[in-house]
Protein backbone atom coordinates (compact mmCIF):
# COMPACT_ATOMS: atom_id res chain seq x y z
CA UNK A 1 -26.02 -0.99 -88.35
CA UNK A 2 -23.58 -3.40 -86.65
CA UNK A 3 -20.69 -1.39 -88.07
CA UNK A 4 -22.17 1.83 -86.65
CA UNK A 5 -22.70 0.20 -83.25
CA UNK A 6 -19.11 -1.05 -83.27
CA UNK A 7 -17.75 2.40 -84.07
CA UNK A 8 -19.95 3.99 -81.39
CA UNK A 9 -18.71 1.45 -78.87
CA UNK A 10 -15.09 2.19 -79.77
CA UNK A 11 -15.68 5.93 -79.44
CA UNK A 12 -17.28 5.46 -76.01
CA UNK A 13 -14.30 3.39 -74.93
CA UNK A 14 -11.96 6.15 -76.03
CA UNK A 15 -13.99 8.77 -74.16
CA UNK A 16 -13.98 6.66 -70.99
CA UNK A 17 -10.23 6.05 -71.35
CA UNK A 18 -9.57 9.75 -71.97
CA UNK A 19 -11.58 10.77 -68.89
CA UNK A 20 -9.78 8.17 -66.81
CA UNK A 21 -6.37 9.44 -67.93
CA UNK A 22 -7.37 13.04 -67.20
CA UNK A 23 -8.63 12.10 -63.73
CA UNK A 24 -5.48 10.09 -63.05
CA UNK A 25 -3.29 13.02 -64.12
CA UNK A 26 -5.22 15.48 -61.95
CA UNK A 27 -4.98 13.31 -58.87
CA UNK A 28 -1.46 12.02 -59.43
CA UNK A 29 0.44 15.07 -58.13
CA UNK A 30 -1.93 17.52 -56.44
CA UNK A 31 0.93 19.37 -54.75
CA UNK A 32 2.38 20.42 -58.10
CA UNK A 33 -0.98 21.78 -59.24
CA UNK A 34 -1.91 23.58 -56.03
CA UNK A 35 -2.35 27.28 -56.58
CA UNK A 36 -1.29 29.27 -53.54
CA UNK A 37 -4.27 30.59 -51.63
CA UNK A 38 -4.94 34.31 -51.76
CA UNK A 39 -6.58 36.47 -49.12
CA UNK A 40 -8.42 39.78 -49.42
CA UNK A 41 -7.26 42.34 -46.87
CA UNK A 42 -8.70 45.72 -47.78
CA UNK A 43 -11.43 47.14 -49.98
CA UNK A 44 -10.67 50.58 -51.41
CA UNK A 45 -13.65 52.24 -53.06
CA UNK A 46 -14.82 49.38 -55.29
CA UNK A 47 -11.60 47.33 -55.46
CA UNK A 48 -10.31 44.62 -53.17
CA UNK A 49 -6.63 44.36 -52.30
CA UNK A 50 -5.25 40.91 -51.63
CA UNK A 51 -1.98 39.40 -50.44
CA UNK A 52 -1.19 38.66 -54.09
CA UNK A 53 -1.69 42.33 -55.01
CA UNK A 54 0.68 43.32 -52.22
CA UNK A 55 3.25 40.78 -53.40
CA UNK A 56 3.04 42.14 -56.95
CA UNK A 57 3.62 45.69 -55.77
CA UNK A 58 6.39 44.55 -53.42
CA UNK A 59 8.14 43.10 -56.45
CA UNK A 60 7.48 46.33 -58.35
CA UNK A 61 8.81 48.54 -55.54
CA UNK A 62 11.99 46.49 -55.46
CA UNK A 63 12.30 46.91 -59.23
CA UNK A 64 11.68 50.67 -59.12
CA UNK A 65 14.11 51.12 -56.24
CA UNK A 66 16.75 49.17 -58.16
CA UNK A 67 16.36 51.18 -61.37
CA UNK A 68 15.83 54.60 -59.72
CA UNK A 69 17.40 54.98 -56.30
CA UNK A 70 15.84 58.46 -56.02
CA UNK A 71 12.28 57.40 -56.95
CA UNK A 72 9.84 59.69 -55.12
CA UNK A 73 7.53 56.78 -54.29
CA UNK A 74 10.37 54.96 -52.55
CA UNK A 75 11.56 58.12 -50.81
CA UNK A 76 8.10 58.88 -49.48
CA UNK A 77 7.30 55.42 -48.10
CA UNK A 78 10.93 54.65 -47.29
CA UNK A 79 13.03 51.63 -48.16
CA UNK A 80 12.03 50.22 -44.79
CA UNK A 81 8.51 49.89 -46.26
CA UNK A 82 9.85 47.33 -48.73
CA UNK A 83 11.44 45.31 -45.92
CA UNK A 84 8.26 45.53 -43.86
CA UNK A 85 6.14 44.28 -46.77
CA UNK A 86 8.58 41.44 -47.36
CA UNK A 87 8.33 40.31 -43.74
CA UNK A 88 4.55 40.85 -43.65
CA UNK A 89 3.77 38.69 -46.69
CA UNK A 90 6.30 36.01 -45.73
CA UNK A 91 4.79 35.57 -42.27
CA UNK A 92 1.14 35.99 -43.24
CA UNK A 93 -0.84 33.12 -41.64
CA UNK A 94 -3.38 30.84 -43.33
CA UNK A 95 -5.91 30.29 -40.53
CA UNK A 96 -8.72 32.86 -40.22
CA UNK A 97 -8.35 33.42 -36.50
CA UNK A 98 -4.59 33.84 -36.82
CA UNK A 99 -5.11 36.27 -39.71
CA UNK A 100 -7.25 38.59 -37.57
CA UNK A 101 -4.67 38.67 -34.80
CA UNK A 102 -1.84 39.16 -37.31
CA UNK A 103 -3.58 42.05 -39.08
CA UNK A 104 -4.41 43.86 -35.83
CA UNK A 105 -0.79 43.44 -34.79
CA UNK A 106 0.31 45.16 -38.02
CA UNK A 107 -2.17 48.04 -38.11
CA UNK A 108 0.56 50.73 -38.61
CA UNK A 109 1.81 48.85 -41.67
CA UNK A 110 -1.74 48.32 -42.94
CA UNK A 111 -2.18 52.10 -42.80
CA UNK A 112 0.85 52.51 -45.09
CA UNK A 113 -0.47 49.80 -47.40
CA UNK A 114 -3.85 51.51 -47.50
CA UNK A 115 -2.30 54.87 -48.39
CA UNK A 116 -0.07 53.24 -51.00
CA UNK A 117 -2.97 51.60 -52.84
CA UNK A 118 -5.11 54.72 -52.59
CA UNK A 119 -2.30 56.65 -54.26
CA UNK A 120 -2.11 53.96 -56.93
CA UNK A 121 -5.82 54.33 -57.54
CA UNK A 122 -5.69 58.12 -57.65
CA UNK A 123 -2.73 58.27 -60.03
CA UNK A 124 -4.49 55.79 -62.30
CA UNK A 125 -7.47 58.16 -62.46
CA UNK A 126 -5.10 60.97 -63.54
CA UNK A 127 -4.31 58.91 -66.64
CA UNK A 128 -0.55 59.49 -66.51
CA UNK A 129 0.72 57.20 -69.25
CA UNK A 130 4.05 55.41 -69.37
CA UNK A 131 5.54 56.25 -72.75
CA UNK A 132 7.35 53.79 -74.97
CA UNK A 133 10.57 55.78 -74.44
CA UNK A 134 10.26 55.54 -70.65
CA UNK A 135 9.56 51.81 -70.92
CA UNK A 136 12.72 51.44 -72.98
CA UNK A 137 14.78 53.38 -70.41
CA UNK A 138 13.38 51.23 -67.60
CA UNK A 139 14.17 48.02 -69.48
CA UNK A 140 17.73 49.19 -70.13
CA UNK A 141 18.14 50.29 -66.51
CA UNK A 142 16.88 46.92 -65.31
CA UNK A 143 19.58 45.15 -67.31
CA UNK A 144 22.37 47.60 -66.46
CA UNK A 145 21.63 47.51 -62.72
CA UNK A 146 20.97 43.76 -62.80
CA UNK A 147 17.48 44.25 -61.35
CA UNK A 148 14.76 41.63 -61.15
CA UNK A 149 13.53 41.07 -64.71
CA UNK A 150 10.08 39.96 -63.45
CA UNK A 151 8.82 43.52 -63.96
CA UNK A 152 9.44 43.14 -67.70
CA UNK A 153 7.03 41.63 -70.19
CA UNK A 154 8.15 40.79 -73.72
CA UNK A 155 9.34 44.11 -75.21
CA UNK A 156 7.53 46.29 -72.66
CA UNK A 157 6.72 46.30 -68.91
CA UNK A 158 4.18 44.38 -66.86
CA UNK A 159 0.88 46.21 -66.46
CA UNK A 160 0.93 46.43 -62.66
CA UNK A 161 4.50 47.77 -62.78
CA UNK A 162 3.29 50.46 -65.16
CA UNK A 163 0.67 51.39 -62.55
CA UNK A 164 3.46 52.02 -60.05
CA UNK A 165 5.34 54.08 -62.64
CA UNK A 166 2.18 56.13 -63.18
CA UNK A 167 2.24 56.97 -59.47
CA UNK A 168 5.90 57.98 -59.76
CA UNK A 169 5.13 60.14 -62.81
CA UNK A 170 2.24 61.83 -60.99
CA UNK A 171 4.38 62.65 -57.94
CA UNK A 172 7.16 64.04 -60.13
CA UNK A 173 4.66 66.09 -62.13
CA UNK A 174 3.08 67.51 -58.98
CA UNK A 175 6.12 67.99 -56.74
CA UNK A 176 9.26 67.53 -58.83
CA UNK A 177 9.48 71.17 -59.91
CA UNK A 178 9.43 72.34 -56.27
CA UNK A 179 12.48 70.24 -55.49
CA UNK A 180 14.25 71.29 -58.67
CA UNK A 181 13.57 75.03 -58.27
CA UNK A 182 14.66 75.04 -54.64
CA UNK A 183 17.44 72.52 -55.22
CA UNK A 184 16.31 70.64 -52.12
CA UNK A 185 15.75 67.07 -51.02
CA UNK A 186 12.51 65.13 -50.76
CA UNK A 187 12.11 66.12 -47.12
CA UNK A 188 11.33 69.65 -48.26
CA UNK A 189 8.10 68.44 -49.89
CA UNK A 190 7.25 65.62 -47.48
CA UNK A 191 4.74 67.73 -45.53
CA UNK A 192 2.96 68.64 -48.79
CA UNK A 193 2.73 64.99 -49.78
CA UNK A 194 1.45 64.17 -46.28
CA UNK A 195 -1.37 66.70 -46.71
CA UNK A 196 -2.20 65.17 -50.08
CA UNK A 197 -2.31 61.60 -48.73
CA UNK A 198 -4.37 62.67 -45.69
CA UNK A 199 -6.91 64.25 -48.04
CA UNK A 200 -6.84 61.18 -50.27
CA UNK A 201 -7.39 58.86 -47.34
CA UNK A 202 -10.55 60.78 -46.42
CA UNK A 203 -11.72 61.00 -50.03
CA UNK A 204 -11.39 57.29 -50.86
CA UNK A 205 -13.39 55.00 -48.58
CA UNK A 206 -11.93 51.73 -47.35
CA UNK A 207 -12.83 48.63 -45.37
CA UNK A 208 -10.60 46.02 -43.77
CA UNK A 209 -11.42 42.32 -43.92
CA UNK A 210 -10.48 41.44 -40.34
C-alpha cells in the first residue's frame, strides 16, 4: 500500500510539473503564438467572407495573373483590383468604430469584392473541375514565370486557388468561344459579363457587417 501511495504521489508530481511547464511555455512568448485577428465583412447567401478570405483570394489573383496574363477573371476585374485589394487589406483597421468608417469609405471596392465572391460561389455550383493536367500546367507555369509558390500544395494546387481556377474555367466555357470566333478582345464581351454579374448580384442575397 505504501508503495502504491509513493507511486501515486510521484505521478501527481509529474502531472503538476507537466502542467506548470505547459503554462510557462504558453505565457512565455505570447506574441509568437498570437494568431492574427480575422473580421467578417460580408455574408453571401449562407457563407461569410472575412478579411482572411479576401487575403487568400488576393494571393490567388496574383498567382493567376502571373501564370496567365490574359486570364478572363483578371481582365474583367482589372489588375487595378489586385492593387486595390492589397491596399484595402493592408490598411484595414482593428477597432470596430474605425472599421465601419473604413468600410463605408470603400463601398465601391466592396461592391467589386461582393461580385467577385458571388461569381466564385456561382462557378462552384457549376461544378467545373480543375483537371490533373491543368494543375500540372499551372504548377509548371508558376515555376517558369517565377510566381508565388504559395498557391501550390504538395503535388497539386491549394483548394481555394482551385476555386478561382473554376471561375476562370466557367468564364472561358461561357464566353471564350465568342472571343475566339470573332477574334476580338475581352472588351467585346464585357457588356455580356456585366449583364451576368448584375443578374447574379440580384440572385444571390448579401449582407454587410458594418
